[in-house]
Amino acid sequence: MALKINYNFQSDFTHANLLKTEQAMNKNMERLATGYRINRAADDAAGLYIADQLKTYAVSLDQGTRNAQDGVSIAQIAQGSLSEVYNILNDVKAKVIQASNTSDDNSREAIQQDINHLVDVVGKIFTDTEFNGLNIFVTAVATTGTSDFKIHYGGRTDQELTINAAIGYVSVATLTGTAASKVTVGANTYTIDVTSQSAANTAVQTVDDLISAVDNLAAKFGSKQIELEKIISNNETQRVNTSDAEGRIRNVDFAKEMSEFTKNNILMQSGMSMLAQANQQSQLVLQLLR
């Protein structure tokens, strides 16, 4: 056999393979320590790009869900206020029927004043109902700061739902003394006058129509809430599946990675042993010099 001391091929070859094994082991340990198969673009450039895009979309969906929940809150606040208005209008209805049965005009005037006070409360409810400083209902005295609510529920451009403030347009006329109350909901104005028996009799149907208009307004906000709740449910389904897709690309398979680490660990130990053996071959030259 040929013995050389200036270059030991076996030692150099073994050392080069040891370096490759060490690099593989370091990558195994990094993946096991972080839980990620992809820690940098060099690990899987295409995989990192796809995983990052999926993660960004999942984060966007999560925020979109929170936006939609704000929209649900707006609809709930509106419906809560309209529920109070409904209760007040039931009291108004009772007083209107009372006025229809009273023959004393002075009593009717007192009832009209009571009705006017109740309607004034209705006007205050409409004016004061707000979300984050913005009035939910468009009123004659609360148009400033009132706007359509744009709910950006998704992770892409133009994924919006509008809660149109115009569906909540309401107005209550300023009341003095025994003047007839006037409430506007949408395009219709409802006049409640009980200063005479015939007017009070007519007002019974007027109040019924007004209550129906308020219920219809509540139904519109309720429809928006249902729509937003369905969107939230879909967003959550998409977010979970998108995050799962990202995880399959980015996350490490611990069983597989541990198997690779064990293999490389054995190769590292055997490589060190073989490097020691390869270095011993050059020592054989000393035997020829004795």
C-alpha atoms as a PDB file:
ATOM      1  CA  MET A   1       0.000   0.000   0.000  1.00  0.00           C
ATOM      2  CA  ALA A   2       1.076   3.635  -0.525  1.00  0.00           C
ATOM      3  CA  LEU A   3       1.879   5.662   2.561  1.00  0.00           C
ATOM      4  CA  LYS A   4       1.943   9.493   2.357  1.00  0.00           C
ATOM      5  CA  ILE A   5       2.281  12.146   5.056  1.00  0.00           C
ATOM      6  CA  ASN A   6       1.758  15.350   3.019  1.00  0.00           C
ATOM      7  CA  TYR A   7      -1.900  14.538   2.319  1.00  0.00           C
ATOM      8  CA  ASN A   8      -4.209  12.128   4.120  1.00  0.00           C
ATOM      9  CA  PHE A   9      -7.174  11.557   1.821  1.00  0.00           C
ATOM     10  CA  GLN A  10      -9.063   9.348   4.284  1.00  0.00           C
ATOM     11  CA  SER A  11      -8.754  11.913   7.067  1.00  0.00           C
ATOM     12  CA  ASP A  12      -9.765  14.805   4.789  1.00  0.00           C
ATOM     13  CA  PHE A  13     -12.726  12.894   3.336  1.00  0.00           C
ATOM     14  CA  THR A  14     -13.947  11.877   6.804  1.00  0.00           C
ATOM     15  CA  HIS A  15     -13.556  15.433   8.088  1.00  0.00           C
ATOM     16  CA  ALA A  16     -15.587  16.852   5.164  1.00  0.00           C
ATOM     17  CA  ASN A  17     -18.403  14.417   5.884  1.00  0.00           C
ATOM     18  CA  LEU A  18     -18.234  15.277   9.565  1.00  0.00           C
ATOM     19  CA  LEU A  19     -18.805  18.921   8.688  1.00  0.00           C
ATOM     20  CA  LYS A  20     -21.885  17.977   6.625  1.00  0.00           C
ATOM     21  CA  THR A  21     -23.211  15.843   9.464  1.00  0.00           C
ATOM     22  CA  GLU A  22     -22.588  18.645  11.950  1.00  0.00           C
ATOM     23  CA  GLN A  23     -24.486  21.084   9.731  1.00  0.00           C
ATOM     24  CA  ALA A  24     -27.402  18.660   9.455  1.00  0.00           C
ATOM     25  CA  MET A  25     -27.393  18.118  13.240  1.00  0.00           C
ATOM     26  CA  ASN A  26     -27.395  21.861  13.890  1.00  0.00           C
ATOM     27  CA  LYS A  27     -30.403  22.238  11.598  1.00  0.00           C
ATOM     28  CA  ASN A  28     -32.134  19.341  13.379  1.00  0.00           C
ATOM     29  CA  MET A  29     -31.543  20.960  16.759  1.00  0.00           C
ATOM     30  CA  GLU A  30     -32.716  24.358  15.517  1.00  0.00           C
ATOM     31  CA  ARG A  31     -35.961  22.880  14.179  1.00  0.00           C
ATOM     32  CA  LEU A  32     -36.551  20.876  17.344  1.00  0.00           C
ATOM     33  CA  ALA A  33     -35.842  23.939  19.505  1.00  0.00           C
ATOM     34  CA  THR A  34     -38.117  26.316  17.569  1.00  0.00           C
ATOM     35  CA  GLY A  35     -40.797  23.891  16.445  1.00  0.00           C
ATOM     36  CA  TYR A  36     -40.498  25.254  12.914  1.00  0.00           C
ATOM     37  CA  ARG A  37     -39.368  23.412   9.812  1.00  0.00           C
ATOM     38  CA  ILE A  38     -38.763  26.758   8.111  1.00  0.00           C
ATOM     39  CA  ASN A  39     -36.804  29.296  10.152  1.00  0.00           C
ATOM     40  CA  ARG A  40     -35.403  31.312   7.254  1.00  0.00           C
ATOM     41  CA  ALA A  41     -35.868  31.604   3.511  1.00  0.00           C
ATOM     42  CA  ALA A  42     -32.824  29.371   2.918  1.00  0.00           C
ATOM     43  CA  ASP A  43     -34.689  26.464   4.545  1.00  0.00           C
ATOM     44  CA  ASP A  44     -37.491  26.545   1.930  1.00  0.00           C
ATOM     45  CA  ALA A  45     -37.888  29.782  -0.020  1.00  0.00           C
ATOM     46  CA  ALA A  46     -41.186  28.884  -1.693  1.00  0.00           C
ATOM     47  CA  GLY A  47     -42.558  27.348   1.489  1.00  0.00           C
ATOM     48  CA  LEU A  48     -41.695  30.472   3.515  1.00  0.00           C
ATOM     49  CA  TYR A  49     -43.434  32.713   0.986  1.00  0.00           C
ATOM     50  CA  ILE A  50     -46.619  30.626   1.005  1.00  0.00           C
ATOM     51  CA  ALA A  51     -46.595  30.246   4.805  1.00  0.00           C
ATOM     52  CA  ASP A  52     -46.117  33.996   5.327  1.00  0.00           C
ATOM     53  CA  GLN A  53     -48.984  34.793   2.941  1.00  0.00           C
ATOM     54  CA  LEU A  54     -51.248  32.368   4.794  1.00  0.00           C
ATOM     55  CA  LYS A  55     -50.239  33.796   8.177  1.00  0.00           C
ATOM     56  CA  THR A  56     -50.923  37.356   7.007  1.00  0.00           C
ATOM     57  CA  TYR A  57     -54.371  36.369   5.762  1.00  0.00           C
ATOM     58  CA  ALA A  58     -55.173  34.563   9.025  1.00  0.00           C
ATOM     59  CA  VAL A  59     -54.162  37.652  11.034  1.00  0.00           C
ATOM     60  CA  SER A  60     -56.314  39.812   8.731  1.00  0.00           C
ATOM     61  CA  LEU A  61     -59.308  37.525   9.208  1.00  0.00           C
ATOM     62  CA  ASP A  62     -58.875  37.712  12.969  1.00  0.00           C
ATOM     63  CA  GLN A  63     -58.981  41.511  12.881  1.00  0.00           C
ATOM     64  CA  GLY A  64     -61.887  41.396  10.431  1.00  0.00           C
ATOM     65  CA  THR A  65     -63.791  39.278  12.948  1.00  0.00           C
ATOM     66  CA  ARG A  66     -63.179  41.872  15.658  1.00  0.00           C
ATOM     67  CA  ASN A  67     -64.413  44.577  13.270  1.00  0.00           C
ATOM     68  CA  ALA A  68     -67.553  42.559  12.576  1.00  0.00           C
ATOM     69  CA  GLN A  69     -68.094  42.136  16.325  1.00  0.00           C
ATOM     70  CA  ASP A  70     -68.064  45.943  16.585  1.00  0.00           C
ATOM     71  CA  GLY A  71     -70.792  45.956  13.937  1.00  0.00           C
ATOM     72  CA  VAL A  72     -72.803  43.479  16.015  1.00  0.00           C
ATOM     73  CA  SER A  73     -72.407  45.827  18.981  1.00  0.00           C
ATOM     74  CA  ILE A  74     -73.761  48.749  16.919  1.00  0.00           C
ATOM     75  CA  ALA A  75     -76.801  46.711  15.891  1.00  0.00           C
ATOM     76  CA  GLN A  76     -77.368  45.549  19.477  1.00  0.00           C
ATOM     77  CA  ILE A  77     -77.152  49.096  20.862  1.00  0.00           C
ATOM     78  CA  ALA A  78     -79.663  50.275  18.249  1.00  0.00           C
ATOM     79  CA  GLN A  79     -82.045  47.422  19.012  1.00  0.00           C
ATOM     80  CA  GLY A  80     -81.732  48.045  22.760  1.00  0.00           C
ATOM     81  CA  SER A  81     -82.705  51.695  22.307  1.00  0.00           C
ATOM     82  CA  LEU A  82     -85.580  50.772  19.999  1.00  0.00           C
ATOM     83  CA  SER A  83     -86.811  48.294  22.590  1.00  0.00           C
ATOM     84  CA  GLU A  84     -87.022  51.146  25.102  1.00  0.00           C
ATOM     85  CA  VAL A  85     -88.830  53.284  22.523  1.00  0.00           C
ATOM     86  CA  TYR A  86     -91.277  50.434  21.974  1.00  0.00           C
ATOM     87  CA  ASN A  87     -92.027  50.274  25.717  1.00  0.00           C
ATOM     88  CA  ILE A  88     -92.614  54.047  25.847  1.00  0.00           C
ATOM     89  CA  LEU A  89     -94.924  53.903  22.836  1.00  0.00           C
ATOM     90  CA  ASN A  90     -96.985  51.241  24.589  1.00  0.00           C
ATOM     91  CA  ASP A  91     -97.487  53.755  27.403  1.00  0.00           C
ATOM     92  CA  VAL A  92     -98.446  56.354  24.789  1.00  0.00           C
ATOM     93  CA  LYS A  93    -100.927  53.891  23.282  1.00  0.00           C
ATOM     94  CA  ALA A  94    -102.546  53.375  26.684  1.00  0.00           C
ATOM     95  CA  LYS A  95    -102.936  57.143  27.166  1.00  0.00           C
ATOM     96  CA  VAL A  96    -104.357  57.561  23.666  1.00  0.00           C
ATOM     97  CA  ILE A  97    -107.019  54.956  24.393  1.00  0.00           C
ATOM     98  CA  GLN A  98    -107.695  56.681  27.704  1.00  0.00           C
ATOM     99  CA  ALA A  99    -108.186  59.979  25.862  1.00  0.00           C
ATOM    100  CA  SER A 100    -110.541  58.279  23.402  1.00  0.00           C
ATOM    101  CA  ASN A 101    -112.826  57.396  26.307  1.00  0.00           C
ATOM    102  CA  THR A 102    -112.685  60.709  28.206  1.00  0.00           C
ATOM    103  CA  SER A 103    -115.371  63.320  27.587  1.00  0.00           C
ATOM    104  CA  ASP A 104    -113.613  66.131  29.484  1.00  0.00           C
ATOM    105  CA  ASP A 105    -111.431  68.223  27.141  1.00  0.00           C
ATOM    106  CA  ASN A 106    -109.352  69.475  30.081  1.00  0.00           C
ATOM    107  CA  SER A 107    -108.483  65.871  30.899  1.00  0.00           C
ATOM    108  CA  ARG A 108    -107.533  65.296  27.288  1.00  0.00           C
ATOM    109  CA  GLU A 109    -105.211  68.290  27.382  1.00  0.00           C
ATOM    110  CA  ALA A 110    -103.517  66.850  30.478  1.00  0.00           C
ATOM    111  CA  ILE A 111    -103.187  63.500  28.703  1.00  0.00           C
ATOM    112  CA  GLN A 112    -101.746  65.285  25.647  1.00  0.00           C
ATOM    113  CA  GLN A 113     -99.099  66.880  27.857  1.00  0.00           C
ATOM    114  CA  ASP A 114     -98.233  63.462  29.328  1.00  0.00           C
ATOM    115  CA  ILE A 115     -97.943  62.054  25.817  1.00  0.00           C
ATOM    116  CA  ASN A 116     -95.749  64.969  24.781  1.00  0.00           C
ATOM    117  CA  HIS A 117     -93.374  64.288  27.680  1.00  0.00           C
ATOM    118  CA  LEU A 118     -93.151  60.621  26.726  1.00  0.00           C
ATOM    119  CA  VAL A 119     -92.504  61.475  23.078  1.00  0.00           C
ATOM    120  CA  ASP A 120     -89.822  63.950  24.211  1.00  0.00           C
ATOM    121  CA  VAL A 121     -88.065  61.033  25.945  1.00  0.00           C
ATOM    122  CA  VAL A 122     -88.288  59.094  22.684  1.00  0.00           C
ATOM    123  CA  GLY A 123     -86.569  62.002  20.929  1.00  0.00           C
ATOM    124  CA  LYS A 124     -83.796  62.067  23.530  1.00  0.00           C
ATOM    125  CA  ILE A 125     -83.224  58.327  23.119  1.00  0.00           C
ATOM    126  CA  PHE A 126     -82.876  58.706  19.368  1.00  0.00           C
ATOM    127  CA  THR A 127     -80.538  61.693  19.755  1.00  0.00           C
ATOM    128  CA  ASP A 128     -78.338  60.203  22.484  1.00  0.00           C
ATOM    129  CA  THR A 129     -77.855  56.661  21.171  1.00  0.00           C
ATOM    130  CA  GLU A 130     -74.273  56.366  19.913  1.00  0.00           C
ATOM    131  CA  PHE A 131     -71.336  54.048  19.321  1.00  0.00           C
ATOM    132  CA  ASN A 132     -67.817  55.326  19.955  1.00  0.00           C
ATOM    133  CA  GLY A 133     -68.951  58.947  19.736  1.00  0.00           C
ATOM    134  CA  LEU A 134     -70.993  58.498  16.538  1.00  0.00           C
ATOM    135  CA  ASN A 135     -74.784  58.788  16.591  1.00  0.00           C
ATOM    136  CA  ILE A 136     -76.469  55.623  15.386  1.00  0.00           C
ATOM    137  CA  PHE A 137     -79.726  57.303  14.399  1.00  0.00           C
ATOM    138  CA  VAL A 138     -79.893  60.263  12.013  1.00  0.00           C
ATOM    139  CA  THR A 139     -82.010  62.947  13.675  1.00  0.00           C
ATOM    140  CA  ALA A 140     -82.744  66.571  12.949  1.00  0.00           C
ATOM    141  CA  VAL A 141     -80.545  67.622  15.888  1.00  0.00           C
ATOM    142  CA  ALA A 142     -77.881  64.910  15.680  1.00  0.00           C
ATOM    143  CA  THR A 143     -76.674  64.946  12.104  1.00  0.00           C
ATOM    144  CA  THR A 144     -73.174  66.073  13.149  1.00  0.00           C
ATOM    145  CA  GLY A 145     -70.999  63.069  13.827  1.00  0.00           C
ATOM    146  CA  THR A 146     -73.522  60.769  12.193  1.00  0.00           C
ATOM    147  CA  SER A 147     -72.403  58.637   9.285  1.00  0.00           C
ATOM    148  CA  ASP A 148     -72.784  55.235   7.735  1.00  0.00           C
ATOM    149  CA  PHE A 149     -70.868  52.595   9.652  1.00  0.00           C
ATOM    150  CA  LYS A 150     -68.438  50.796   7.325  1.00  0.00           C
ATOM    151  CA  ILE A 151     -67.640  47.380   8.769  1.00  0.00           C
ATOM    152  CA  HIS A 152     -64.501  45.951   7.116  1.00  0.00           C
ATOM    153  CA  TYR A 153     -65.040  42.324   8.001  1.00  0.00           C
ATOM    154  CA  GLY A 154     -62.510  40.553   5.728  1.00  0.00           C
ATOM    155  CA  GLY A 155     -58.834  40.404   4.887  1.00  0.00           C
ATOM    156  CA  ARG A 156     -59.124  41.765   1.342  1.00  0.00           C
ATOM    157  CA  THR A 157     -60.060  45.038  -0.309  1.00  0.00           C
ATOM    158  CA  ASP A 158     -63.772  45.936  -0.476  1.00  0.00           C
ATOM    159  CA  GLN A 159     -64.843  43.226   1.959  1.00  0.00           C
ATOM    160  CA  GLU A 160     -67.185  45.637   3.713  1.00  0.00           C
ATOM    161  CA  LEU A 161     -70.712  45.738   5.063  1.00  0.00           C
ATOM    162  CA  THR A 162     -72.488  49.049   5.557  1.00  0.00           C
ATOM    163  CA  ILE A 163     -74.870  49.758   8.391  1.00  0.00           C
ATOM    164  CA  ASN A 164     -76.607  52.650   6.718  1.00  0.00           C
ATOM    165  CA  ALA A 165     -77.492  55.376   9.207  1.00  0.00           C
ATOM    166  CA  ALA A 166     -80.348  56.444   6.912  1.00  0.00           C
ATOM    167  CA  ILE A 167     -82.324  53.336   7.858  1.00  0.00           C
ATOM    168  CA  GLY A 168     -82.479  54.851  11.329  1.00  0.00           C
ATOM    169  CA  TYR A 169     -83.651  58.369  10.341  1.00  0.00           C
ATOM    170  CA  VAL A 170     -85.941  59.637  13.061  1.00  0.00           C
ATOM    171  CA  SER A 171     -87.173  63.027  14.144  1.00  0.00           C
ATOM    172  CA  VAL A 172     -89.313  64.337  17.011  1.00  0.00           C
ATOM    173  CA  ALA A 173     -90.877  67.793  16.731  1.00  0.00           C
ATOM    174  CA  THR A 174     -90.215  70.318  19.489  1.00  0.00           C
ATOM    175  CA  LEU A 175     -93.257  70.248  21.741  1.00  0.00           C
ATOM    176  CA  THR A 176     -94.944  73.101  23.609  1.00  0.00           C
ATOM    177  CA  GLY A 177     -97.987  72.919  25.850  1.00  0.00           C
ATOM    178  CA  THR A 178    -100.762  70.792  24.430  1.00  0.00           C
ATOM    179  CA  ALA A 179     -99.598  70.845  20.803  1.00  0.00           C
ATOM    180  CA  ALA A 180     -99.856  67.508  19.013  1.00  0.00           C
ATOM    181  CA  SER A 181     -96.763  65.298  19.118  1.00  0.00           C
ATOM    182  CA  LYS A 182     -95.070  64.548  15.818  1.00  0.00           C
ATOM    183  CA  VAL A 183     -92.663  61.648  15.344  1.00  0.00           C
ATOM    184  CA  THR A 184     -90.943  60.953  12.029  1.00  0.00           C
ATOM    185  CA  VAL A 185     -89.540  57.508  11.277  1.00  0.00           C
ATOM    186  CA  GLY A 186     -88.031  57.076   7.849  1.00  0.00           C
ATOM    187  CA  ALA A 187     -90.194  58.949   5.338  1.00  0.00           C
ATOM    188  CA  ASN A 188     -93.394  58.952   7.418  1.00  0.00           C
ATOM    189  CA  THR A 189     -94.520  61.429  10.072  1.00  0.00           C
ATOM    190  CA  TYR A 190     -96.951  60.313  12.778  1.00  0.00           C
ATOM    191  CA  THR A 191     -99.054  62.989  14.498  1.00  0.00           C
ATOM    192  CA  ILE A 192    -100.468  62.098  17.924  1.00  0.00           C
ATOM    193  CA  ASP A 193    -103.324  64.438  18.811  1.00  0.00           C
ATOM    194  CA  VAL A 194    -105.760  63.588  21.626  1.00  0.00           C
ATOM    195  CA  THR A 195    -107.206  67.048  22.263  1.00  0.00           C
ATOM    196  CA  SER A 196    -110.592  65.862  20.991  1.00  0.00           C
ATOM    197  CA  GLN A 197    -112.425  62.559  21.121  1.00  0.00           C
ATOM    198  CA  SER A 198    -112.375  62.088  17.359  1.00  0.00           C
ATOM    199  CA  ALA A 199    -108.683  63.022  17.128  1.00  0.00           C
ATOM    200  CA  ALA A 200    -107.868  60.616  19.955  1.00  0.00           C
ATOM    201  CA  ASN A 201    -109.776  57.851  18.200  1.00  0.00           C
ATOM    202  CA  THR A 202    -107.729  58.456  15.040  1.00  0.00           C
ATOM    203  CA  ALA A 203    -104.520  58.562  17.091  1.00  0.00           C
ATOM    204  CA  VAL A 204    -105.084  54.962  18.207  1.00  0.00           C
ATOM    205  CA  GLN A 205    -104.276  53.736  14.698  1.00  0.00           C
ATOM    206  CA  THR A 206    -101.522  56.339  14.339  1.00  0.00           C
ATOM    207  CA  VAL A 207     -99.704  54.990  17.383  1.00  0.00           C
ATOM    208  CA  ASP A 208    -100.139  51.439  16.105  1.00  0.00           C
ATOM    209  CA  ASP A 209     -98.547  52.492  12.806  1.00  0.00           C
ATOM    210  CA  LEU A 210     -95.720  54.236  14.680  1.00  0.00           C
ATOM    211  CA  ILE A 211     -95.037  51.130  16.765  1.00  0.00           C
ATOM    212  CA  SER A 212     -94.952  49.073  13.550  1.00  0.00           C
ATOM    213  CA  ALA A 213     -92.461  51.540  12.052  1.00  0.00           C
ATOM    214  CA  VAL A 214     -90.218  51.241  15.121  1.00  0.00           C
ATOM    215  CA  ASP A 215     -90.441  47.456  14.976  1.00  0.00           C
ATOM    216  CA  ASN A 216     -89.543  47.562  11.281  1.00  0.00           C
ATOM    217  CA  LEU A 217     -86.542  49.743  12.102  1.00  0.00           C
ATOM    218  CA  ALA A 218     -85.439  47.259  14.773  1.00  0.00           C
ATOM    219  CA  ALA A 219     -85.848  44.428  12.265  1.00  0.00           C
ATOM    220  CA  LYS A 220     -83.464  46.160   9.847  1.00  0.00           C
ATOM    221  CA  PHE A 221     -80.783  46.418  12.521  1.00  0.00           C
ATOM    222  CA  GLY A 222     -81.513  42.821  13.513  1.00  0.00           C
ATOM    223  CA  SER A 223     -80.976  41.697   9.915  1.00  0.00           C
ATOM    224  CA  LYS A 224     -77.595  43.435   9.880  1.00  0.00           C
ATOM    225  CA  GLN A 225     -76.678  41.674  13.120  1.00  0.00           C
ATOM    226  CA  ILE A 226     -77.630  38.270  11.701  1.00  0.00           C
ATOM    227  CA  GLU A 227     -75.586  38.985   8.565  1.00  0.00           C
ATOM    228  CA  LEU A 228     -72.554  39.995  10.631  1.00  0.00           C
ATOM    229  CA  GLU A 229     -72.842  36.945  12.887  1.00  0.00           C
ATOM    230  CA  LYS A 230     -72.821  34.675   9.804  1.00  0.00           C
ATOM    231  CA  ILE A 231     -69.766  36.536   8.511  1.00  0.00           C
ATOM    232  CA  ILE A 232     -68.019  36.102  11.874  1.00  0.00           C
ATOM    233  CA  SER A 233     -68.720  32.370  11.789  1.00  0.00           C
ATOM    234  CA  ASN A 234     -67.318  32.093   8.267  1.00  0.00           C
ATOM    235  CA  ASN A 235     -64.283  34.209   9.187  1.00  0.00           C
ATOM    236  CA  GLU A 236     -63.466  31.923  12.086  1.00  0.00           C
ATOM    237  CA  THR A 237     -63.787  28.829   9.891  1.00  0.00           C
ATOM    238  CA  GLN A 238     -61.487  30.375   7.282  1.00  0.00           C
ATOM    239  CA  ARG A 239     -59.000  31.549   9.901  1.00  0.00           C
ATOM    240  CA  VAL A 240     -58.733  28.116  11.520  1.00  0.00           C
ATOM    241  CA  ASN A 241     -58.257  26.350   8.176  1.00  0.00           C
ATOM    242  CA  THR A 242     -55.789  28.970   6.940  1.00  0.00           C
ATOM    243  CA  SER A 243     -53.743  28.698  10.134  1.00  0.00           C
ATOM    244  CA  ASP A 244     -53.792  24.922   9.799  1.00  0.00           C
ATOM    245  CA  ALA A 245     -52.545  25.184   6.197  1.00  0.00           C
ATOM    246  CA  GLU A 246     -49.753  27.495   7.324  1.00  0.00           C
ATOM    247  CA  GLY A 247     -48.828  25.092  10.129  1.00  0.00           C
ATOM    248  CA  ARG A 248     -48.517  22.142   7.775  1.00  0.00           C
ATOM    249  CA  ILE A 249     -45.976  24.113   5.738  1.00  0.00           C
ATOM    250  CA  ARG A 250     -44.072  25.923   8.485  1.00  0.00           C
ATOM    251  CA  ASN A 251     -44.142  23.597  11.501  1.00  0.00           C
ATOM    252  CA  VAL A 252     -41.773  20.710  12.044  1.00  0.00           C
ATOM    253  CA  ASP A 253     -42.799  17.062  12.243  1.00  0.00           C
ATOM    254  CA  PHE A 254     -41.167  16.235  15.576  1.00  0.00           C
ATOM    255  CA  ALA A 255     -41.199  12.467  15.076  1.00  0.00           C
ATOM    256  CA  LYS A 256     -39.512  12.731  11.690  1.00  0.00           C
ATOM    257  CA  GLU A 257     -37.042  15.399  12.817  1.00  0.00           C
ATOM    258  CA  MET A 258     -36.075  13.441  15.946  1.00  0.00           C
ATOM    259  CA  SER A 259     -35.460  10.392  13.777  1.00  0.00           C
ATOM    260  CA  GLU A 260     -33.165  12.465  11.535  1.00  0.00           C
ATOM    261  CA  PHE A 261     -31.395  13.928  14.571  1.00  0.00           C
ATOM    262  CA  THR A 262     -30.765  10.449  16.010  1.00  0.00           C
ATOM    263  CA  LYS A 263     -29.375   9.250  12.683  1.00  0.00           C
ATOM    264  CA  ASN A 264     -27.072  12.276  12.376  1.00  0.00           C
ATOM    265  CA  ASN A 265     -25.960  11.900  15.980  1.00  0.00           C
ATOM    266  CA  ILE A 266     -24.896   8.309  15.284  1.00  0.00           C
ATOM    267  CA  LEU A 267     -23.128   9.421  12.080  1.00  0.00           C
ATOM    268  CA  MET A 268     -21.335  12.146  14.048  1.00  0.00           C
ATOM    269  CA  GLN A 269     -20.040   9.680  16.622  1.00  0.00           C
ATOM    270  CA  SER A 270     -19.002   7.121  14.024  1.00  0.00           C
ATOM    271  CA  GLY A 271     -17.391   9.880  11.919  1.00  0.00           C
ATOM    272  CA  MET A 272     -15.303  11.032  14.880  1.00  0.00           C
ATOM    273  CA  SER A 273     -14.179   7.464  15.439  1.00  0.00           C
ATOM    274  CA  MET A 274     -13.261   7.006  11.774  1.00  0.00           C
ATOM    275  CA  LEU A 275     -11.397  10.342  11.751  1.00  0.00           C
ATOM    276  CA  ALA A 276      -9.277   9.079  14.605  1.00  0.00           C
ATOM    277  CA  GLN A 277      -8.603   5.876  12.665  1.00  0.00           C
ATOM    278  CA  ALA A 278      -7.717   7.828   9.500  1.00  0.00           C
ATOM    279  CA  ASN A 279      -5.249   9.972  11.428  1.00  0.00           C
ATOM    280  CA  GLN A 280      -3.577   6.828  12.753  1.00  0.00           C
ATOM    281  CA  GLN A 281      -2.690   5.718   9.201  1.00  0.00           C
ATOM    282  CA  SER A 282      -0.059   8.439   8.838  1.00  0.00           C
ATOM    283  CA  GLN A 283       1.568   7.178  11.993  1.00  0.00           C
ATOM    284  CA  LEU A 284       2.474   3.965  10.114  1.00  0.00           C
ATOM    285  CA  VAL A 285       5.213   5.890   8.262  1.00  0.00           C
ATOM    286  CA  LEU A 286       7.132   6.009  11.539  1.00  0.00           C
ATOM    287  CA  GLN A 287       7.382   2.252  11.461  1.00  0.00           C
ATOM    288  CA  LEU A 288       9.443   2.480   8.281  1.00  0.00           C
ATOM    289  CA  LEU A 289      11.853   4.955   9.854  1.00  0.00           C
ATOM    290  CA  ARG A 290      12.904   2.721  12.726  1.00  0.00           C
END
